[in-house]
């Protein structure tokens, strides 16, 4: 499993645009081959900051998504809403607590 976390900081007046747009495309991303989990979190202290959290079967699956027509549709639009450049982390799950 491959985990990707992306921090997105939006212009304050573009937050609702992001929420609306993401709602319209989330199922397409979630159902992309190799994606097994997708959630988006909104920061409690700064509502213009969001984090995407996704699981991929393999790193190559994320690479395929990033080369896809879907990503080429999503990313250019989302970038227009940014107040800051996105930050991304690729991580491995270290421990699961239940």
PDB file of N, CA and C in Angstrom:
ATOM      1  N   UNK A   1       0.844  -1.181   0.000  1.00  0.00           N
ATOM      2  CA  UNK A   1       0.000   0.000   0.000  1.00  0.00           C
ATOM      3  C   UNK A   1       0.889   1.244   0.000  1.00  0.00           C
ATOM      4  N   UNK A   2       0.420   2.235  -0.702  1.00  0.00           N
ATOM      5  CA  UNK A   2       1.128   3.499  -0.851  1.00  0.00           C
ATOM      6  C   UNK A   2       0.174   4.609  -0.417  1.00  0.00           C
ATOM      7  N   UNK A   3       0.615   5.487   0.469  1.00  0.00           N
ATOM      8  CA  UNK A   3      -0.241   6.553   1.000  1.00  0.00           C
ATOM      9  C   UNK A   3       0.284   7.906   0.550  1.00  0.00           C
ATOM     10  N   UNK A   4      -0.638   8.742   0.115  1.00  0.00           N
ATOM     11  CA  UNK A   4      -0.285  10.086  -0.351  1.00  0.00           C
ATOM     12  C   UNK A   4      -1.102  11.097   0.437  1.00  0.00           C
ATOM     13  N   UNK A   5      -0.414  12.085   1.006  1.00  0.00           N
ATOM     14  CA  UNK A   5      -1.051  13.179   1.728  1.00  0.00           C
ATOM     15  C   UNK A   5      -0.668  14.475   1.019  1.00  0.00           C
ATOM     16  N   UNK A   6      -1.672  15.271   0.700  1.00  0.00           N
ATOM     17  CA  UNK A   6      -1.413  16.531   0.001  1.00  0.00           C
ATOM     18  C   UNK A   6      -2.087  17.656   0.774  1.00  0.00           C
ATOM     19  N   UNK A   7      -1.318  18.702   1.074  1.00  0.00           N
ATOM     20  CA  UNK A   7      -1.846  19.885   1.746  1.00  0.00           C
ATOM     21  C   UNK A   7      -2.171  20.930   0.687  1.00  0.00           C
ATOM     22  N   UNK A   8      -3.405  21.402   0.718  1.00  0.00           N
ATOM     23  CA  UNK A   8      -3.880  22.394  -0.242  1.00  0.00           C
ATOM     24  C   UNK A   8      -4.324  23.637   0.524  1.00  0.00           C
ATOM     25  N   UNK A   9      -3.740  24.771   0.190  1.00  0.00           N
ATOM     26  CA  UNK A   9      -4.123  26.030   0.827  1.00  0.00           C
ATOM     27  C   UNK A   9      -4.782  26.910  -0.231  1.00  0.00           C
ATOM     28  N   UNK A  10      -6.043  27.218   0.002  1.00  0.00           N
ATOM     29  CA  UNK A  10      -6.824  27.966  -0.982  1.00  0.00           C
ATOM     30  C   UNK A  10      -6.981  29.425  -0.596  1.00  0.00           C
ATOM     31  N   UNK A  11      -7.239  30.239  -1.606  1.00  0.00           N
ATOM     32  CA  UNK A  11      -7.657  31.610  -1.352  1.00  0.00           C
ATOM     33  C   UNK A  11      -8.983  31.516  -0.596  1.00  0.00           C
ATOM     34  N   UNK A  12      -9.153  32.370   0.399  1.00  0.00           N
ATOM     35  CA  UNK A  12     -10.342  32.278   1.243  1.00  0.00           C
ATOM     36  C   UNK A  12     -11.632  32.331   0.446  1.00  0.00           C
ATOM     37  N   UNK A  13     -11.652  33.150  -0.590  1.00  0.00           N
ATOM     38  CA  UNK A  13     -12.880  33.284  -1.379  1.00  0.00           C
ATOM     39  C   UNK A  13     -13.070  32.144  -2.382  1.00  0.00           C
ATOM     40  N   UNK A  14     -12.158  31.169  -2.398  1.00  0.00           N
ATOM     41  CA  UNK A  14     -12.249  30.044  -3.331  1.00  0.00           C
ATOM     42  C   UNK A  14     -12.538  28.713  -2.633  1.00  0.00           C
ATOM     43  N   UNK A  15     -12.685  28.736  -1.307  1.00  0.00           N
ATOM     44  CA  UNK A  15     -12.916  27.505  -0.550  1.00  0.00           C
ATOM     45  C   UNK A  15     -14.195  26.810  -1.012  1.00  0.00           C
ATOM     46  N   UNK A  16     -15.266  27.544  -1.160  1.00  0.00           N
ATOM     47  CA  UNK A  16     -16.533  26.934  -1.589  1.00  0.00           C
ATOM     48  C   UNK A  16     -16.416  26.393  -3.005  1.00  0.00           C
ATOM     49  N   UNK A  17     -15.647  27.068  -3.861  1.00  0.00           N
ATOM     50  CA  UNK A  17     -15.419  26.558  -5.218  1.00  0.00           C
ATOM     51  C   UNK A  17     -14.769  25.180  -5.152  1.00  0.00           C
ATOM     52  N   UNK A  18     -13.756  25.053  -4.281  1.00  0.00           N
ATOM     53  CA  UNK A  18     -13.087  23.770  -4.143  1.00  0.00           C
ATOM     54  C   UNK A  18     -14.054  22.699  -3.641  1.00  0.00           C
ATOM     55  N   UNK A  19     -14.798  23.005  -2.609  1.00  0.00           N
ATOM     56  CA  UNK A  19     -15.725  22.023  -2.045  1.00  0.00           C
ATOM     57  C   UNK A  19     -16.730  21.543  -3.093  1.00  0.00           C
ATOM     58  N   UNK A  20     -17.282  22.463  -3.833  1.00  0.00           N
ATOM     59  CA  UNK A  20     -18.252  22.108  -4.875  1.00  0.00           C
ATOM     60  C   UNK A  20     -17.600  21.266  -5.959  1.00  0.00           C
ATOM     61  N   UNK A  21     -16.430  21.694  -6.402  1.00  0.00           N
ATOM     62  CA  UNK A  21     -15.750  20.966  -7.466  1.00  0.00           C
ATOM     63  C   UNK A  21     -15.340  19.575  -6.997  1.00  0.00           C
ATOM     64  N   UNK A  22     -14.770  19.498  -5.803  1.00  0.00           N
ATOM     65  CA  UNK A  22     -14.340  18.195  -5.310  1.00  0.00           C
ATOM     66  C   UNK A  22     -15.519  17.238  -5.183  1.00  0.00           C
ATOM     67  N   UNK A  23     -16.645  17.732  -4.726  1.00  0.00           N
ATOM     68  CA  UNK A  23     -17.835  16.884  -4.620  1.00  0.00           C
ATOM     69  C   UNK A  23     -18.229  16.311  -5.975  1.00  0.00           C
ATOM     70  N   UNK A  24     -17.972  17.054  -7.029  1.00  0.00           N
ATOM     71  CA  UNK A  24     -18.361  16.600  -8.365  1.00  0.00           C
ATOM     72  C   UNK A  24     -17.394  15.581  -8.968  1.00  0.00           C
ATOM     73  N   UNK A  25     -16.154  15.514  -8.469  1.00  0.00           N
ATOM     74  CA  UNK A  25     -15.157  14.620  -9.075  1.00  0.00           C
ATOM     75  C   UNK A  25     -14.609  13.562  -8.125  1.00  0.00           C
ATOM     76  N   UNK A  26     -15.000  13.593  -6.877  1.00  0.00           N
ATOM     77  CA  UNK A  26     -14.412  12.682  -5.883  1.00  0.00           C
ATOM     78  C   UNK A  26     -14.601  11.209  -6.247  1.00  0.00           C
ATOM     79  N   UNK A  27     -15.754  10.838  -6.766  1.00  0.00           N
ATOM     80  CA  UNK A  27     -15.991   9.437  -7.109  1.00  0.00           C
ATOM     81  C   UNK A  27     -15.106   8.988  -8.273  1.00  0.00           C
ATOM     82  N   UNK A  28     -14.841   9.890  -9.205  1.00  0.00           N
ATOM     83  CA  UNK A  28     -13.951   9.543 -10.319  1.00  0.00           C
ATOM     84  C   UNK A  28     -12.541   9.257  -9.813  1.00  0.00           C
ATOM     85  N   UNK A  29     -12.077  10.088  -8.891  1.00  0.00           N
ATOM     86  CA  UNK A  29     -10.735   9.870  -8.339  1.00  0.00           C
ATOM     87  C   UNK A  29     -10.735   8.592  -7.507  1.00  0.00           C
ATOM     88  N   UNK A  30     -11.719   8.445  -6.637  1.00  0.00           N
ATOM     89  CA  UNK A  30     -11.790   7.280  -5.752  1.00  0.00           C
ATOM     90  C   UNK A  30     -11.877   5.974  -6.536  1.00  0.00           C
ATOM     91  N   UNK A  31     -12.513   5.999  -7.698  1.00  0.00           N
ATOM     92  CA  UNK A  31     -12.673   4.798  -8.509  1.00  0.00           C
ATOM     93  C   UNK A  31     -11.579   4.630  -9.553  1.00  0.00           C
ATOM     94  N   UNK A  32     -10.566   5.486  -9.520  1.00  0.00           N
ATOM     95  CA  UNK A  32      -9.456   5.336 -10.457  1.00  0.00           C
ATOM     96  C   UNK A  32      -8.716   4.035 -10.112  1.00  0.00           C
ATOM     97  N   UNK A  33      -8.307   3.272 -11.116  1.00  0.00           N
ATOM     98  CA  UNK A  33      -7.618   2.009 -10.835  1.00  0.00           C
ATOM     99  C   UNK A  33      -6.435   2.184  -9.877  1.00  0.00           C
ATOM    100  N   UNK A  34      -6.437   1.403  -8.804  1.00  0.00           N
ATOM    101  CA  UNK A  34      -5.361   1.443  -7.829  1.00  0.00           C
ATOM    102  C   UNK A  34      -5.646   2.289  -6.615  1.00  0.00           C
ATOM    103  N   UNK A  35      -6.638   3.183  -6.695  1.00  0.00           N
ATOM    104  CA  UNK A  35      -7.004   4.009  -5.536  1.00  0.00           C
ATOM    105  C   UNK A  35      -7.982   3.206  -4.684  1.00  0.00           C
ATOM    106  N   UNK A  36      -7.631   2.988  -3.425  1.00  0.00           N
ATOM    107  CA  UNK A  36      -8.487   2.183  -2.558  1.00  0.00           C
ATOM    108  C   UNK A  36      -9.132   2.986  -1.433  1.00  0.00           C
ATOM    109  N   UNK A  37      -8.737   4.258  -1.292  1.00  0.00           N
ATOM    110  CA  UNK A  37      -9.265   5.082  -0.201  1.00  0.00           C
ATOM    111  C   UNK A  37      -8.998   6.529  -0.545  1.00  0.00           C
ATOM    112  N   UNK A  38      -9.970   7.395  -0.272  1.00  0.00           N
ATOM    113  CA  UNK A  38      -9.785   8.829  -0.495  1.00  0.00           C
ATOM    114  C   UNK A  38     -10.646   9.593   0.491  1.00  0.00           C
ATOM    115  N   UNK A  39     -10.008  10.477   1.237  1.00  0.00           N
ATOM    116  CA  UNK A  39     -10.726  11.400   2.112  1.00  0.00           C
ATOM    117  C   UNK A  39     -10.077  12.775   2.009  1.00  0.00           C
ATOM    118  N   UNK A  40     -10.866  13.781   2.369  1.00  0.00           N
ATOM    119  CA  UNK A  40     -10.365  15.153   2.411  1.00  0.00           C
ATOM    120  C   UNK A  40     -10.711  15.714   3.776  1.00  0.00           C
ATOM    121  N   UNK A  41      -9.734  16.353   4.385  1.00  0.00           N
ATOM    122  CA  UNK A  41      -9.904  16.944   5.709  1.00  0.00           C
ATOM    123  C   UNK A  41      -9.727  18.459   5.616  1.00  0.00           C
ATOM    124  N   UNK A  42     -10.509  19.191   6.408  1.00  0.00           N
ATOM    125  CA  UNK A  42     -10.404  20.644   6.461  1.00  0.00           C
ATOM    126  C   UNK A  42      -9.836  21.033   7.818  1.00  0.00           C
ATOM    127  N   UNK A  43      -8.836  21.892   7.809  1.00  0.00           N
ATOM    128  CA  UNK A  43      -8.189  22.333   9.035  1.00  0.00           C
ATOM    129  C   UNK A  43      -9.190  23.056   9.937  1.00  0.00           C
ATOM    130  N   UNK A  44      -9.150  22.758  11.227  1.00  0.00           N
ATOM    131  CA  UNK A  44     -10.076  23.377  12.179  1.00  0.00           C
ATOM    132  C   UNK A  44      -9.748  24.848  12.453  1.00  0.00           C
ATOM    133  N   UNK A  45      -8.485  25.204  12.375  1.00  0.00           N
ATOM    134  CA  UNK A  45      -8.086  26.577  12.694  1.00  0.00           C
ATOM    135  C   UNK A  45      -8.012  27.491  11.484  1.00  0.00           C
ATOM    136  N   UNK A  46      -7.822  26.908  10.315  1.00  0.00           N
ATOM    137  CA  UNK A  46      -7.767  27.698   9.086  1.00  0.00           C
ATOM    138  C   UNK A  46      -8.602  26.987   8.030  1.00  0.00           C
ATOM    139  N   UNK A  47      -9.840  27.423   7.825  1.00  0.00           N
ATOM    140  CA  UNK A  47     -10.735  26.718   6.911  1.00  0.00           C
ATOM    141  C   UNK A  47     -10.323  26.786   5.442  1.00  0.00           C
ATOM    142  N   UNK A  48      -9.266  27.498   5.130  1.00  0.00           N
ATOM    143  CA  UNK A  48      -8.763  27.551   3.754  1.00  0.00           C
ATOM    144  C   UNK A  48      -7.738  26.448   3.481  1.00  0.00           C
ATOM    145  N   UNK A  49      -7.402  25.666   4.517  1.00  0.00           N
ATOM    146  CA  UNK A  49      -6.424  24.584   4.363  1.00  0.00           C
ATOM    147  C   UNK A  49      -7.146  23.241   4.383  1.00  0.00           C
ATOM    148  N   UNK A  50      -6.817  22.426   3.389  1.00  0.00           N
ATOM    149  CA  UNK A  50      -7.368  21.080   3.260  1.00  0.00           C
ATOM    150  C   UNK A  50      -6.220  20.098   3.091  1.00  0.00           C
ATOM    151  N   UNK A  51      -6.492  18.851   3.453  1.00  0.00           N
ATOM    152  CA  UNK A  51      -5.543  17.763   3.238  1.00  0.00           C
ATOM    153  C   UNK A  51      -6.268  16.639   2.515  1.00  0.00           C
ATOM    154  N   UNK A  52      -5.696  16.169   1.431  1.00  0.00           N
ATOM    155  CA  UNK A  52      -6.217  14.956   0.813  1.00  0.00           C
ATOM    156  C   UNK A  52      -5.384  13.800   1.344  1.00  0.00           C
ATOM    157  N   UNK A  53      -6.051  12.693   1.564  1.00  0.00           N
ATOM    158  CA  UNK A  53      -5.426  11.507   2.138  1.00  0.00           C
ATOM    159  C   UNK A  53      -5.903  10.339   1.299  1.00  0.00           C
ATOM    160  N   UNK A  54      -4.991   9.714   0.566  1.00  0.00           N
ATOM    161  CA  UNK A  54      -5.399   8.637  -0.335  1.00  0.00           C
ATOM    162  C   UNK A  54      -4.475   7.440  -0.211  1.00  0.00           C
ATOM    163  N   UNK A  55      -5.079   6.260  -0.403  1.00  0.00           N
ATOM    164  CA  UNK A  55      -4.339   5.003  -0.426  1.00  0.00           C
ATOM    165  C   UNK A  55      -4.319   4.504  -1.864  1.00  0.00           C
ATOM    166  N   UNK A  56      -3.167   4.011  -2.268  1.00  0.00           N
ATOM    167  CA  UNK A  56      -2.979   3.449  -3.598  1.00  0.00           C
ATOM    168  C   UNK A  56      -2.350   2.075  -3.441  1.00  0.00           C
ATOM    169  N   UNK A  57      -2.733   1.157  -4.327  1.00  0.00           N
ATOM    170  CA  UNK A  57      -2.156  -0.188  -4.250  1.00  0.00           C
ATOM    171  C   UNK A  57      -0.641  -0.129  -4.375  1.00  0.00           C
ATOM    172  N   UNK A  58      -0.171   0.661  -5.314  1.00  0.00           N
ATOM    173  CA  UNK A  58       1.271   0.814  -5.556  1.00  0.00           C
ATOM    174  C   UNK A  58       1.562   2.244  -5.973  1.00  0.00           C
ATOM    175  N   UNK A  59       2.790   2.664  -5.820  1.00  0.00           N
ATOM    176  CA  UNK A  59       3.187   4.004  -6.242  1.00  0.00           C
ATOM    177  C   UNK A  59       2.916   4.202  -7.727  1.00  0.00           C
ATOM    178  N   UNK A  60       3.080   3.142  -8.507  1.00  0.00           N
ATOM    179  CA  UNK A  60       2.830   3.228  -9.951  1.00  0.00           C
ATOM    180  C   UNK A  60       1.381   3.606 -10.249  1.00  0.00           C
ATOM    181  N   UNK A  61       0.453   3.197  -9.384  1.00  0.00           N
ATOM    182  CA  UNK A  61      -0.953   3.556  -9.591  1.00  0.00           C
ATOM    183  C   UNK A  61      -1.158   5.064  -9.464  1.00  0.00           C
ATOM    184  N   UNK A  62      -0.514   5.671  -8.488  1.00  0.00           N
ATOM    185  CA  UNK A  62      -0.583   7.123  -8.355  1.00  0.00           C
ATOM    186  C   UNK A  62       0.054   7.781  -9.572  1.00  0.00           C
ATOM    187  N   UNK A  63       1.165   7.249 -10.039  1.00  0.00           N
ATOM    188  CA  UNK A  63       1.813   7.789 -11.242  1.00  0.00           C
ATOM    189  C   UNK A  63       0.879   7.716 -12.445  1.00  0.00           C
ATOM    190  N   UNK A  64       0.151   6.614 -12.583  1.00  0.00           N
ATOM    191  CA  UNK A  64      -0.814   6.476 -13.684  1.00  0.00           C
ATOM    192  C   UNK A  64      -1.918   7.522 -13.565  1.00  0.00           C
ATOM    193  N   UNK A  65      -2.393   7.743 -12.347  1.00  0.00           N
ATOM    194  CA  UNK A  65      -3.404   8.779 -12.133  1.00  0.00           C
ATOM    195  C   UNK A  65      -2.856  10.147 -12.536  1.00  0.00           C
ATOM    196  N   UNK A  66      -1.641  10.445 -12.123  1.00  0.00           N
ATOM    197  CA  UNK A  66      -1.046  11.753 -12.423  1.00  0.00           C
ATOM    198  C   UNK A  66      -0.784  11.940 -13.909  1.00  0.00           C
ATOM    199  N   UNK A  67      -0.732  10.851 -14.673  1.00  0.00           N
ATOM    200  CA  UNK A  67      -0.562  10.920 -16.128  1.00  0.00           C
ATOM    201  C   UNK A  67      -1.901  10.836 -16.869  1.00  0.00           C
ATOM    202  N   UNK A  68      -2.991  10.710 -16.136  1.00  0.00           N
ATOM    203  CA  UNK A  68      -4.299  10.467 -16.756  1.00  0.00           C
ATOM    204  C   UNK A  68      -4.977  11.757 -17.225  1.00  0.00           C
ATOM    205  N   UNK A  69      -5.966  11.566 -18.098  1.00  0.00           N
ATOM    206  CA  UNK A  69      -6.789  12.694 -18.544  1.00  0.00           C
ATOM    207  C   UNK A  69      -7.566  13.287 -17.368  1.00  0.00           C
ATOM    208  N   UNK A  70      -7.974  12.436 -16.422  1.00  0.00           N
ATOM    209  CA  UNK A  70      -8.702  12.921 -15.252  1.00  0.00           C
ATOM    210  C   UNK A  70      -7.848  13.910 -14.465  1.00  0.00           C
ATOM    211  N   UNK A  71      -6.621  13.539 -14.163  1.00  0.00           N
ATOM    212  CA  UNK A  71      -5.742  14.433 -13.416  1.00  0.00           C
ATOM    213  C   UNK A  71      -5.481  15.722 -14.213  1.00  0.00           C
ATOM    214  N   UNK A  72      -5.322  15.584 -15.523  1.00  0.00           N
ATOM    215  CA  UNK A  72      -5.066  16.759 -16.374  1.00  0.00           C
ATOM    216  C   UNK A  72      -6.276  17.686 -16.437  1.00  0.00           C
ATOM    217  N   UNK A  73      -7.435  17.162 -16.079  1.00  0.00           N
ATOM    218  CA  UNK A  73      -8.642  17.984 -15.960  1.00  0.00           C
ATOM    219  C   UNK A  73      -8.725  18.622 -14.576  1.00  0.00           C
ATOM    220  N   UNK A  74      -8.443  17.826 -13.543  1.00  0.00           N
ATOM    221  CA  UNK A  74      -8.628  18.264 -12.155  1.00  0.00           C
ATOM    222  C   UNK A  74      -7.567  19.257 -11.719  1.00  0.00           C
ATOM    223  N   UNK A  75      -6.309  18.898 -11.871  1.00  0.00           N
ATOM    224  CA  UNK A  75      -5.226  19.671 -11.264  1.00  0.00           C
ATOM    225  C   UNK A  75      -5.107  21.102 -11.796  1.00  0.00           C
ATOM    226  N   UNK A  76      -5.183  21.330 -13.101  1.00  0.00           N
ATOM    227  CA  UNK A  76      -5.074  22.726 -13.568  1.00  0.00           C
ATOM    228  C   UNK A  76      -6.162  23.628 -12.991  1.00  0.00           C
ATOM    229  N   UNK A  77      -7.377  23.107 -12.857  1.00  0.00           N
ATOM    230  CA  UNK A  77      -8.436  23.928 -12.273  1.00  0.00           C
ATOM    231  C   UNK A  77      -8.184  24.185 -10.789  1.00  0.00           C
ATOM    232  N   UNK A  78      -7.889  23.132 -10.036  1.00  0.00           N
ATOM    233  CA  UNK A  78      -7.680  23.276  -8.594  1.00  0.00           C
ATOM    234  C   UNK A  78      -6.542  24.256  -8.317  1.00  0.00           C
ATOM    235  N   UNK A  79      -5.496  24.207  -9.113  1.00  0.00           N
ATOM    236  CA  UNK A  79      -4.357  25.118  -8.903  1.00  0.00           C
ATOM    237  C   UNK A  79      -4.763  26.583  -9.006  1.00  0.00           C
ATOM    238  N   UNK A  80      -5.785  26.896  -9.805  1.00  0.00           N
ATOM    239  CA  UNK A  80      -6.217  28.295  -9.936  1.00  0.00           C
ATOM    240  C   UNK A  80      -6.813  28.829  -8.643  1.00  0.00           C
ATOM    241  N   UNK A  81      -7.182  27.938  -7.730  1.00  0.00           N
ATOM    242  CA  UNK A  81      -7.820  28.330  -6.474  1.00  0.00           C
ATOM    243  C   UNK A  81      -6.822  28.514  -5.334  1.00  0.00           C
ATOM    244  N   UNK A  82      -5.580  28.142  -5.569  1.00  0.00           N
ATOM    245  CA  UNK A  82      -4.569  28.135  -4.507  1.00  0.00           C
ATOM    246  C   UNK A  82      -4.138  29.527  -4.057  1.00  0.00           C
ATOM    247  N   UNK A  83      -3.905  29.637  -2.750  1.00  0.00           N
ATOM    248  CA  UNK A  83      -3.238  30.805  -2.176  1.00  0.00           C
ATOM    249  C   UNK A  83      -1.745  30.527  -2.043  1.00  0.00           C
ATOM    250  N   UNK A  84      -1.401  29.226  -1.917  1.00  0.00           N
ATOM    251  CA  UNK A  84      -0.005  28.790  -1.793  1.00  0.00           C
ATOM    252  C   UNK A  84       0.173  27.521  -2.604  1.00  0.00           C
ATOM    253  N   UNK A  85       1.405  27.243  -2.925  1.00  0.00           N
ATOM    254  CA  UNK A  85       1.734  26.016  -3.641  1.00  0.00           C
ATOM    255  C   UNK A  85       1.393  24.802  -2.771  1.00  0.00           C
ATOM    256  N   UNK A  86       0.886  23.758  -3.403  1.00  0.00           N
ATOM    257  CA  UNK A  86       0.546  22.532  -2.669  1.00  0.00           C
ATOM    258  C   UNK A  86       1.809  21.864  -2.140  1.00  0.00           C
ATOM    259  N   UNK A  87       1.647  21.162  -1.028  1.00  0.00           N
ATOM    260  CA  UNK A  87       2.728  20.356  -0.459  1.00  0.00           C
ATOM    261  C   UNK A  87       2.254  18.913  -0.440  1.00  0.00           C
ATOM    262  N   UNK A  88       3.166  17.970  -0.708  1.00  0.00           N
ATOM    263  CA  UNK A  88       2.763  16.569  -0.764  1.00  0.00           C
ATOM    264  C   UNK A  88       3.781  15.687  -0.067  1.00  0.00           C
ATOM    265  N   UNK A  89       3.252  14.621   0.544  1.00  0.00           N
ATOM    266  CA  UNK A  89       4.081  13.635   1.215  1.00  0.00           C
ATOM    267  C   UNK A  89       3.641  12.251   0.762  1.00  0.00           C
ATOM    268  N   UNK A  90       4.596  11.407   0.513  1.00  0.00           N
ATOM    269  CA  UNK A  90       4.358   9.992   0.248  1.00  0.00           C
ATOM    270  C   UNK A  90       4.858   9.250   1.473  1.00  0.00           C
ATOM    271  N   UNK A  91       3.974   8.476   2.087  1.00  0.00           N
ATOM    272  CA  UNK A  91       4.322   7.841   3.364  1.00  0.00           C
ATOM    273  C   UNK A  91       3.935   6.370   3.355  1.00  0.00           C
ATOM    274  N   UNK A  92       4.588   5.626   4.234  1.00  0.00           N
ATOM    275  CA  UNK A  92       4.224   4.250   4.508  1.00  0.00           C
ATOM    276  C   UNK A  92       3.577   4.212   5.878  1.00  0.00           C
ATOM    277  N   UNK A  93       2.576   3.369   6.040  1.00  0.00           N
ATOM    278  CA  UNK A  93       1.939   3.230   7.340  1.00  0.00           C
ATOM    279  C   UNK A  93       2.925   2.544   8.274  1.00  0.00           C
ATOM    280  N   UNK A  94       3.191   3.167   9.383  1.00  0.00           N
ATOM    281  CA  UNK A  94       4.143   2.647  10.360  1.00  0.00           C
ATOM    282  C   UNK A  94       3.479   1.701  11.345  1.00  0.00           C
ATOM    283  N   UNK A  95       2.318   2.122  11.868  1.00  0.00           N
ATOM    284  CA  UNK A  95       1.636   1.321  12.876  1.00  0.00           C
ATOM    285  C   UNK A  95       0.149   1.623  12.813  1.00  0.00           C
ATOM    286  N   UNK A  96      -0.658   0.634  13.097  1.00  0.00           N
ATOM    287  CA  UNK A  96      -2.097   0.810  13.183  1.00  0.00           C
ATOM    288  C   UNK A  96      -2.516   0.496  14.608  1.00  0.00           C
ATOM    289  N   UNK A  97      -3.212   1.430  15.218  1.00  0.00           N
ATOM    290  CA  UNK A  97      -3.718   1.233  16.581  1.00  0.00           C
ATOM    291  C   UNK A  97      -5.222   1.026  16.506  1.00  0.00           C
ATOM    292  N   UNK A  98      -5.705   0.095  17.245  1.00  0.00           N
ATOM    293  CA  UNK A  98      -7.156  -0.158  17.252  1.00  0.00           C
ATOM    294  C   UNK A  98      -7.679  -0.100  18.657  1.00  0.00           C
TER     295      UNK A  98
END
